[in-house]
Amino acid sequence: MITTLIFDWGDTLMRDIPGKPGPMYTWETVEWIPGAKKALESVYRNYDMAVATNAGESDTEAMIKALKRVGADRYFLSFYSSKDLGVRKPDPEFFRIICERMNRRPSECVMIGNSYEKDICGAKDAGLKTIFFNENQTSLHADKADIVIGKMEDLLHAIERI
């Protein structure tokens, strides 16, 4: 039974702008991925939810500050960054540590992310279910993903199918 949803942060929940200097919370403009807020609204009451990121310039505290700027922090029980965990996606240990800290078996968790290699392959190798958010159709090869969605509006239906 699925109890927990773990979301990637940049380009899954909030738009990441490559080359933009500094942590996201310091940017003049920050924004949701289209449909992400509505998707979170539709699922957060039924699942424990976390955010997990490899963000280069942000630790967990900086990620939370950025999420607060769009009001996204309220949906999540916990937040994890590779800077604070000491291991990066796609290493399966990244996902195992999160499951352990959330007191969940990997089989109870779904990783939702936009990077096939970092989010999906690593999570799958750790025993999690996966939803590949392929918004820009960047990867046509997605064998390890349990489900592929092209827009966040499809998230609830995807979770129901896992």
N, C-alpha and C. Protein backbone atom coordinates (compact mmCIF):
# COMPACT_ATOMS: atom_id res chain seq x y z
N MET A 1 0.84 -1.18 0.00
CA MET A 1 0.00 0.00 0.00
C MET A 1 0.88 1.25 0.00
N ILE A 2 0.56 2.19 -0.84
CA ILE A 2 1.32 3.43 -0.94
C ILE A 2 0.88 4.37 0.19
N THR A 3 1.85 4.84 0.97
CA THR A 3 1.57 5.77 2.07
C THR A 3 2.28 7.11 1.90
N THR A 4 3.32 7.12 1.05
CA THR A 4 4.22 8.27 1.02
C THR A 4 4.59 8.65 -0.40
N LEU A 5 4.54 9.96 -0.66
CA LEU A 5 4.95 10.51 -1.96
C LEU A 5 6.19 11.37 -1.72
N ILE A 6 7.22 11.12 -2.52
CA ILE A 6 8.47 11.88 -2.43
C ILE A 6 8.66 12.60 -3.76
N PHE A 7 8.74 13.91 -3.70
CA PHE A 7 8.84 14.74 -4.90
C PHE A 7 10.24 15.30 -5.06
N ASP A 8 10.74 15.28 -6.30
CA ASP A 8 11.89 16.08 -6.65
C ASP A 8 11.44 17.54 -6.57
N TRP A 9 12.38 18.45 -6.45
CA TRP A 9 12.03 19.86 -6.30
C TRP A 9 12.11 20.61 -7.63
N GLY A 10 13.32 20.87 -8.14
CA GLY A 10 13.49 21.68 -9.34
C GLY A 10 12.95 21.02 -10.59
N ASP A 11 12.08 21.71 -11.28
CA ASP A 11 11.43 21.29 -12.52
C ASP A 11 10.46 20.13 -12.34
N THR A 12 10.14 19.82 -11.08
CA THR A 12 9.04 18.91 -10.77
C THR A 12 7.96 19.69 -10.03
N LEU A 13 8.37 20.47 -9.02
CA LEU A 13 7.43 21.32 -8.27
C LEU A 13 7.57 22.79 -8.65
N MET A 14 8.82 23.25 -8.73
CA MET A 14 9.09 24.65 -9.03
C MET A 14 10.04 24.75 -10.22
N ARG A 15 9.86 25.80 -11.02
CA ARG A 15 10.67 25.98 -12.22
C ARG A 15 12.10 26.34 -11.85
N ASP A 16 13.05 25.55 -12.34
CA ASP A 16 14.47 25.80 -12.16
C ASP A 16 14.98 26.47 -13.43
N ILE A 17 15.74 27.52 -13.27
CA ILE A 17 16.26 28.25 -14.42
C ILE A 17 17.77 27.99 -14.50
N PRO A 18 18.21 27.16 -15.45
CA PRO A 18 19.64 26.84 -15.56
C PRO A 18 20.49 28.10 -15.71
N GLY A 19 21.59 28.13 -14.99
CA GLY A 19 22.51 29.26 -15.07
C GLY A 19 22.16 30.42 -14.17
N LYS A 20 20.99 30.39 -13.56
CA LYS A 20 20.59 31.46 -12.65
C LYS A 20 21.46 31.36 -11.39
N PRO A 21 22.14 32.44 -11.00
CA PRO A 21 23.06 32.35 -9.86
C PRO A 21 22.34 32.36 -8.51
N GLY A 22 22.97 31.70 -7.55
CA GLY A 22 22.47 31.71 -6.18
C GLY A 22 21.35 30.73 -5.93
N PRO A 23 21.03 30.52 -4.66
CA PRO A 23 19.93 29.63 -4.31
C PRO A 23 18.60 30.17 -4.82
N MET A 24 17.67 29.28 -5.16
CA MET A 24 16.39 29.68 -5.74
C MET A 24 15.63 30.68 -4.87
N TYR A 25 15.70 30.54 -3.55
CA TYR A 25 14.92 31.45 -2.71
C TYR A 25 15.36 32.91 -2.84
N THR A 26 16.57 33.15 -3.37
CA THR A 26 17.05 34.52 -3.55
C THR A 26 16.68 35.10 -4.91
N TRP A 27 16.13 34.29 -5.81
CA TRP A 27 15.78 34.79 -7.13
C TRP A 27 14.64 35.79 -7.04
N GLU A 28 14.65 36.75 -7.95
CA GLU A 28 13.59 37.76 -7.97
C GLU A 28 12.22 37.12 -8.18
N THR A 29 12.17 36.15 -9.08
CA THR A 29 10.91 35.47 -9.39
C THR A 29 11.09 33.97 -9.20
N VAL A 30 10.15 33.36 -8.50
CA VAL A 30 10.09 31.90 -8.39
C VAL A 30 8.67 31.49 -8.77
N GLU A 31 8.55 30.31 -9.36
CA GLU A 31 7.21 29.91 -9.81
C GLU A 31 7.01 28.41 -9.76
N TRP A 32 5.75 28.05 -9.61
CA TRP A 32 5.32 26.65 -9.66
C TRP A 32 5.52 26.10 -11.07
N ILE A 33 5.68 24.81 -11.16
CA ILE A 33 5.52 24.10 -12.43
C ILE A 33 4.02 24.13 -12.71
N PRO A 34 3.58 24.38 -13.93
CA PRO A 34 2.14 24.40 -14.22
C PRO A 34 1.45 23.11 -13.74
N GLY A 35 0.38 23.30 -12.99
CA GLY A 35 -0.41 22.18 -12.49
C GLY A 35 0.08 21.57 -11.19
N ALA A 36 1.28 21.95 -10.72
CA ALA A 36 1.83 21.32 -9.52
C ALA A 36 1.03 21.66 -8.27
N LYS A 37 0.63 22.90 -8.11
CA LYS A 37 -0.14 23.28 -6.92
C LYS A 37 -1.45 22.51 -6.87
N LYS A 38 -2.15 22.44 -7.97
CA LYS A 38 -3.41 21.71 -8.02
C LYS A 38 -3.19 20.22 -7.75
N ALA A 39 -2.11 19.68 -8.27
CA ALA A 39 -1.79 18.26 -8.04
C ALA A 39 -1.54 18.00 -6.55
N LEU A 40 -0.77 18.88 -5.90
CA LEU A 40 -0.52 18.71 -4.48
C LEU A 40 -1.80 18.82 -3.67
N GLU A 41 -2.64 19.77 -4.03
CA GLU A 41 -3.94 19.92 -3.36
C GLU A 41 -4.75 18.63 -3.43
N SER A 42 -4.65 17.93 -4.54
CA SER A 42 -5.46 16.73 -4.74
C SER A 42 -4.94 15.51 -3.99
N VAL A 43 -3.69 15.54 -3.53
CA VAL A 43 -3.11 14.34 -2.91
C VAL A 43 -2.62 14.51 -1.47
N TYR A 44 -2.38 15.72 -1.02
CA TYR A 44 -1.66 15.86 0.25
C TYR A 44 -2.44 15.38 1.47
N ARG A 45 -3.73 15.35 1.42
CA ARG A 45 -4.52 14.88 2.57
C ARG A 45 -4.47 13.36 2.73
N ASN A 46 -4.12 12.66 1.67
CA ASN A 46 -4.17 11.19 1.68
C ASN A 46 -2.81 10.51 1.81
N TYR A 47 -1.73 11.29 1.74
CA TYR A 47 -0.38 10.71 1.78
C TYR A 47 0.54 11.58 2.62
N ASP A 48 1.55 10.94 3.22
CA ASP A 48 2.65 11.70 3.80
C ASP A 48 3.52 12.12 2.61
N MET A 49 4.00 13.35 2.64
CA MET A 49 4.75 13.84 1.48
C MET A 49 6.06 14.48 1.90
N ALA A 50 7.06 14.31 1.04
CA ALA A 50 8.39 14.86 1.27
C ALA A 50 8.93 15.43 -0.04
N VAL A 51 9.92 16.29 0.09
CA VAL A 51 10.66 16.82 -1.06
C VAL A 51 12.11 16.36 -0.90
N ALA A 52 12.70 15.90 -2.02
CA ALA A 52 14.08 15.40 -2.00
C ALA A 52 14.82 15.95 -3.21
N THR A 53 15.95 16.61 -2.98
CA THR A 53 16.63 17.29 -4.08
C THR A 53 18.15 17.10 -4.05
N ASN A 54 18.73 17.24 -5.23
CA ASN A 54 20.18 17.32 -5.41
C ASN A 54 20.62 18.78 -5.60
N ALA A 55 19.73 19.73 -5.42
CA ALA A 55 19.98 21.13 -5.78
C ALA A 55 21.40 21.56 -5.45
N GLY A 56 22.08 22.06 -6.47
CA GLY A 56 23.48 22.40 -6.35
C GLY A 56 23.80 23.48 -5.33
N GLU A 57 23.02 24.55 -5.32
CA GLU A 57 23.33 25.68 -4.44
C GLU A 57 22.46 25.75 -3.21
N SER A 58 21.56 24.80 -3.03
CA SER A 58 20.62 24.88 -1.91
C SER A 58 20.74 23.68 -0.99
N ASP A 59 20.80 23.98 0.31
CA ASP A 59 20.67 22.92 1.29
C ASP A 59 19.18 22.82 1.65
N THR A 60 18.85 22.02 2.63
CA THR A 60 17.45 21.82 2.98
C THR A 60 16.79 23.12 3.41
N GLU A 61 17.47 23.92 4.21
CA GLU A 61 16.90 25.18 4.68
C GLU A 61 16.61 26.13 3.52
N ALA A 62 17.51 26.24 2.57
CA ALA A 62 17.31 27.11 1.40
C ALA A 62 16.15 26.60 0.54
N MET A 63 16.02 25.29 0.40
CA MET A 63 14.91 24.72 -0.36
C MET A 63 13.58 25.08 0.30
N ILE A 64 13.50 24.95 1.61
CA ILE A 64 12.26 25.28 2.32
C ILE A 64 11.92 26.76 2.13
N LYS A 65 12.91 27.63 2.17
CA LYS A 65 12.66 29.07 1.95
C LYS A 65 12.06 29.32 0.58
N ALA A 66 12.56 28.64 -0.44
CA ALA A 66 12.02 28.80 -1.80
C ALA A 66 10.59 28.26 -1.87
N LEU A 67 10.35 27.10 -1.29
CA LEU A 67 9.01 26.51 -1.29
C LEU A 67 8.02 27.44 -0.58
N LYS A 68 8.46 28.08 0.49
CA LYS A 68 7.60 29.02 1.23
C LYS A 68 7.19 30.20 0.36
N ARG A 69 8.05 30.62 -0.53
CA ARG A 69 7.74 31.78 -1.38
C ARG A 69 6.52 31.55 -2.25
N VAL A 70 6.22 30.29 -2.59
CA VAL A 70 5.02 30.00 -3.38
C VAL A 70 3.96 29.29 -2.54
N GLY A 71 4.21 29.14 -1.24
CA GLY A 71 3.24 28.48 -0.36
C GLY A 71 3.23 26.97 -0.47
N ALA A 72 4.27 26.39 -1.02
CA ALA A 72 4.31 24.94 -1.23
C ALA A 72 4.75 24.17 0.00
N ASP A 73 5.44 24.80 0.92
CA ASP A 73 5.97 24.10 2.09
C ASP A 73 4.88 23.45 2.93
N ARG A 74 3.70 24.00 2.92
CA ARG A 74 2.61 23.51 3.78
C ARG A 74 2.14 22.11 3.43
N TYR A 75 2.45 21.64 2.24
CA TYR A 75 2.00 20.32 1.80
C TYR A 75 2.90 19.18 2.30
N PHE A 76 4.07 19.50 2.79
CA PHE A 76 5.09 18.48 3.05
C PHE A 76 5.41 18.32 4.53
N LEU A 77 5.65 17.06 4.91
CA LEU A 77 6.04 16.75 6.28
C LEU A 77 7.55 16.82 6.47
N SER A 78 8.30 16.54 5.40
CA SER A 78 9.75 16.53 5.54
C SER A 78 10.43 16.93 4.24
N PHE A 79 11.68 17.36 4.41
CA PHE A 79 12.46 17.92 3.31
C PHE A 79 13.89 17.37 3.40
N TYR A 80 14.44 16.99 2.24
CA TYR A 80 15.77 16.38 2.22
C TYR A 80 16.58 16.93 1.05
N SER A 81 17.85 17.23 1.32
CA SER A 81 18.75 17.65 0.25
C SER A 81 20.01 16.79 0.29
N SER A 82 20.59 16.60 -0.88
CA SER A 82 21.81 15.80 -0.96
C SER A 82 22.92 16.45 -0.13
N LYS A 83 22.92 17.78 -0.04
CA LYS A 83 23.94 18.46 0.76
C LYS A 83 23.88 18.02 2.21
N ASP A 84 22.66 17.85 2.73
CA ASP A 84 22.51 17.46 4.13
C ASP A 84 22.57 15.95 4.34
N LEU A 85 22.18 15.18 3.34
CA LEU A 85 22.22 13.72 3.47
C LEU A 85 23.61 13.14 3.24
N GLY A 86 24.44 13.87 2.50
CA GLY A 86 25.79 13.39 2.22
C GLY A 86 25.87 12.37 1.10
N VAL A 87 24.80 12.22 0.35
CA VAL A 87 24.75 11.31 -0.79
C VAL A 87 23.79 11.91 -1.82
N ARG A 88 24.07 11.67 -3.10
CA ARG A 88 23.28 12.30 -4.17
C ARG A 88 22.50 11.27 -4.96
N LYS A 89 21.37 11.73 -5.51
CA LYS A 89 20.65 10.91 -6.49
C LYS A 89 21.58 10.76 -7.70
N PRO A 90 21.62 9.66 -8.35
CA PRO A 90 20.74 8.50 -8.32
C PRO A 90 21.16 7.39 -7.37
N ASP A 91 22.12 7.63 -6.49
CA ASP A 91 22.56 6.58 -5.57
C ASP A 91 21.35 6.04 -4.79
N PRO A 92 21.07 4.75 -4.87
CA PRO A 92 19.92 4.19 -4.14
C PRO A 92 19.95 4.50 -2.64
N GLU A 93 21.14 4.71 -2.09
CA GLU A 93 21.26 5.03 -0.67
C GLU A 93 20.55 6.34 -0.33
N PHE A 94 20.55 7.30 -1.25
CA PHE A 94 19.82 8.56 -1.06
C PHE A 94 18.36 8.27 -0.72
N PHE A 95 17.75 7.39 -1.48
CA PHE A 95 16.33 7.06 -1.30
C PHE A 95 16.11 6.19 -0.07
N ARG A 96 17.03 5.28 0.19
CA ARG A 96 16.91 4.41 1.38
C ARG A 96 16.96 5.23 2.66
N ILE A 97 17.85 6.22 2.70
CA ILE A 97 17.97 7.08 3.88
C ILE A 97 16.65 7.82 4.12
N ILE A 98 16.07 8.35 3.06
CA ILE A 98 14.80 9.08 3.20
C ILE A 98 13.70 8.15 3.71
N CYS A 99 13.59 6.98 3.14
CA CYS A 99 12.56 6.03 3.60
C CYS A 99 12.78 5.69 5.07
N GLU A 100 14.02 5.47 5.44
CA GLU A 100 14.33 5.14 6.83
C GLU A 100 13.96 6.30 7.77
N ARG A 101 14.30 7.51 7.39
CA ARG A 101 13.99 8.67 8.23
C ARG A 101 12.49 8.92 8.33
N MET A 102 11.76 8.52 7.29
CA MET A 102 10.30 8.68 7.32
C MET A 102 9.61 7.45 7.92
N ASN A 103 10.43 6.47 8.35
CA ASN A 103 9.91 5.23 8.92
C ASN A 103 8.97 4.51 7.95
N ARG A 104 9.43 4.39 6.71
CA ARG A 104 8.65 3.74 5.65
C ARG A 104 9.50 2.69 4.96
N ARG A 105 8.85 1.63 4.51
CA ARG A 105 9.51 0.67 3.62
C ARG A 105 9.54 1.29 2.23
N PRO A 106 10.57 1.05 1.44
CA PRO A 106 10.60 1.60 0.08
C PRO A 106 9.36 1.24 -0.73
N SER A 107 8.81 0.06 -0.53
CA SER A 107 7.63 -0.36 -1.30
C SER A 107 6.38 0.46 -0.98
N GLU A 108 6.42 1.24 0.10
CA GLU A 108 5.29 2.10 0.47
C GLU A 108 5.41 3.50 -0.15
N CYS A 109 6.53 3.76 -0.82
CA CYS A 109 6.83 5.11 -1.29
C CYS A 109 6.82 5.20 -2.81
N VAL A 110 6.42 6.37 -3.29
CA VAL A 110 6.48 6.69 -4.72
C VAL A 110 7.37 7.91 -4.89
N MET A 111 8.36 7.81 -5.76
CA MET A 111 9.21 8.95 -6.12
C MET A 111 8.64 9.57 -7.38
N ILE A 112 8.42 10.89 -7.35
CA ILE A 112 7.92 11.63 -8.50
C ILE A 112 9.01 12.61 -8.90
N GLY A 113 9.51 12.50 -10.13
CA GLY A 113 10.58 13.38 -10.55
C GLY A 113 10.71 13.51 -12.04
N ASN A 114 11.44 14.54 -12.46
CA ASN A 114 11.58 14.86 -13.87
C ASN A 114 12.87 14.34 -14.50
N SER A 115 13.77 13.79 -13.70
CA SER A 115 15.01 13.25 -14.26
C SER A 115 14.93 11.73 -14.24
N TYR A 116 14.90 11.14 -15.43
CA TYR A 116 14.81 9.69 -15.51
C TYR A 116 16.00 9.04 -14.80
N GLU A 117 17.20 9.52 -15.09
CA GLU A 117 18.40 8.91 -14.53
C GLU A 117 18.50 9.14 -13.02
N LYS A 118 18.31 10.36 -12.57
CA LYS A 118 18.52 10.69 -11.15
C LYS A 118 17.35 10.29 -10.27
N ASP A 119 16.14 10.62 -10.68
CA ASP A 119 14.97 10.38 -9.83
C ASP A 119 14.41 8.97 -9.98
N ILE A 120 14.22 8.55 -11.20
CA ILE A 120 13.50 7.29 -11.45
C ILE A 120 14.41 6.07 -11.27
N CYS A 121 15.54 6.05 -11.96
CA CYS A 121 16.43 4.88 -11.87
C CYS A 121 16.93 4.65 -10.44
N GLY A 122 17.36 5.71 -9.78
CA GLY A 122 17.85 5.57 -8.41
C GLY A 122 16.78 5.09 -7.46
N ALA A 123 15.59 5.67 -7.55
CA ALA A 123 14.48 5.28 -6.67
C ALA A 123 14.07 3.84 -6.93
N LYS A 124 13.99 3.47 -8.19
CA LYS A 124 13.58 2.10 -8.55
C LYS A 124 14.61 1.10 -8.01
N ASP A 125 15.89 1.43 -8.14
CA ASP A 125 16.93 0.54 -7.63
C ASP A 125 16.88 0.41 -6.11
N ALA A 126 16.29 1.40 -5.43
CA ALA A 126 16.14 1.35 -3.97
C ALA A 126 14.84 0.66 -3.55
N GLY A 127 13.99 0.31 -4.53
CA GLY A 127 12.75 -0.41 -4.22
C GLY A 127 11.50 0.43 -4.16
N LEU A 128 11.58 1.71 -4.55
CA LEU A 128 10.41 2.57 -4.56
C LEU A 128 9.62 2.40 -5.85
N LYS A 129 8.36 2.76 -5.82
CA LYS A 129 7.56 2.93 -7.04
C LYS A 129 7.96 4.28 -7.62
N THR A 130 7.70 4.48 -8.92
CA THR A 130 8.14 5.72 -9.55
C THR A 130 7.12 6.27 -10.53
N ILE A 131 7.05 7.60 -10.55
CA ILE A 131 6.27 8.32 -11.56
C ILE A 131 7.24 9.31 -12.21
N PHE A 132 7.47 9.12 -13.48
CA PHE A 132 8.37 9.97 -14.25
C PHE A 132 7.57 11.13 -14.83
N PHE A 133 7.90 12.35 -14.38
CA PHE A 133 7.26 13.56 -14.89
C PHE A 133 8.08 14.03 -16.09
N ASN A 134 7.64 13.65 -17.28
CA ASN A 134 8.36 13.91 -18.53
C ASN A 134 7.68 15.06 -19.27
N GLU A 135 7.67 16.23 -18.63
CA GLU A 135 6.95 17.40 -19.12
C GLU A 135 7.36 17.79 -20.54
N ASN A 136 8.63 17.77 -20.81
CA ASN A 136 9.12 18.22 -22.11
C ASN A 136 9.46 17.07 -23.05
N GLN A 137 8.98 15.88 -22.71
CA GLN A 137 9.27 14.69 -23.51
C GLN A 137 10.76 14.56 -23.76
N THR A 138 11.55 14.79 -22.70
CA THR A 138 13.01 14.77 -22.83
C THR A 138 13.56 13.36 -22.95
N SER A 139 12.83 12.39 -22.45
CA SER A 139 13.32 11.01 -22.51
C SER A 139 12.21 10.12 -23.03
N LEU A 140 12.48 9.46 -24.13
CA LEU A 140 11.49 8.54 -24.68
C LEU A 140 11.70 7.14 -24.12
N HIS A 141 12.85 6.92 -23.51
CA HIS A 141 13.20 5.64 -22.91
C HIS A 141 12.93 5.75 -21.41
N ALA A 142 11.94 5.02 -20.91
CA ALA A 142 11.58 5.13 -19.49
C ALA A 142 11.15 3.78 -18.93
N ASP A 143 11.91 2.74 -19.24
CA ASP A 143 11.54 1.38 -18.84
C ASP A 143 11.39 1.19 -17.34
N LYS A 144 12.20 1.88 -16.53
CA LYS A 144 12.15 1.68 -15.08
C LYS A 144 11.00 2.43 -14.42
N ALA A 145 10.41 3.38 -15.12
CA ALA A 145 9.29 4.14 -14.53
C ALA A 145 8.05 3.27 -14.47
N ASP A 146 7.37 3.30 -13.33
CA ASP A 146 6.09 2.59 -13.24
C ASP A 146 5.04 3.28 -14.09
N ILE A 147 5.07 4.61 -14.07
CA ILE A 147 4.12 5.41 -14.84
C ILE A 147 4.84 6.65 -15.34
N VAL A 148 4.49 7.10 -16.54
CA VAL A 148 5.03 8.34 -17.10
C VAL A 148 3.87 9.31 -17.29
N ILE A 149 4.05 10.55 -16.81
CA ILE A 149 3.05 11.59 -17.04
C ILE A 149 3.72 12.78 -17.72
N GLY A 150 2.95 13.51 -18.51
CA GLY A 150 3.49 14.67 -19.21
C GLY A 150 3.07 15.98 -18.58
N LYS A 151 2.09 15.92 -17.67
CA LYS A 151 1.65 17.14 -16.98
C LYS A 151 1.24 16.78 -15.56
N MET A 152 1.45 17.71 -14.66
CA MET A 152 1.18 17.44 -13.25
C MET A 152 -0.30 17.21 -12.97
N GLU A 153 -1.15 17.69 -13.83
CA GLU A 153 -2.59 17.46 -13.65
C GLU A 153 -2.93 15.97 -13.66
N ASP A 154 -2.04 15.15 -14.21
CA ASP A 154 -2.29 13.71 -14.30
C ASP A 154 -1.78 12.93 -13.08
N LEU A 155 -1.23 13.64 -12.09
CA LEU A 155 -0.60 12.96 -10.96
C LEU A 155 -1.57 12.09 -10.17
N LEU A 156 -2.71 12.60 -9.78
CA LEU A 156 -3.64 11.83 -8.96
C LEU A 156 -4.03 10.53 -9.66
N HIS A 157 -4.36 10.62 -10.92
CA HIS A 157 -4.73 9.42 -11.68
C HIS A 157 -3.57 8.43 -11.73
N ALA A 158 -2.35 8.94 -11.89
CA ALA A 158 -1.17 8.07 -11.93
C ALA A 158 -0.98 7.35 -10.60
N ILE A 159 -1.13 8.05 -9.50
CA ILE A 159 -0.97 7.43 -8.18
C ILE A 159 -2.02 6.35 -7.98
N GLU A 160 -3.22 6.61 -8.41
CA GLU A 160 -4.30 5.63 -8.27
C GLU A 160 -4.02 4.36 -9.07
N ARG A 161 -3.22 4.46 -10.13
CA ARG A 161 -2.91 3.32 -10.99
C ARG A 161 -1.74 2.48 -10.48
N ILE A 162 -0.96 3.02 -9.56
CA ILE A 162 0.22 2.28 -9.06
C ILE A 162 -0.22 1.17 -8.12
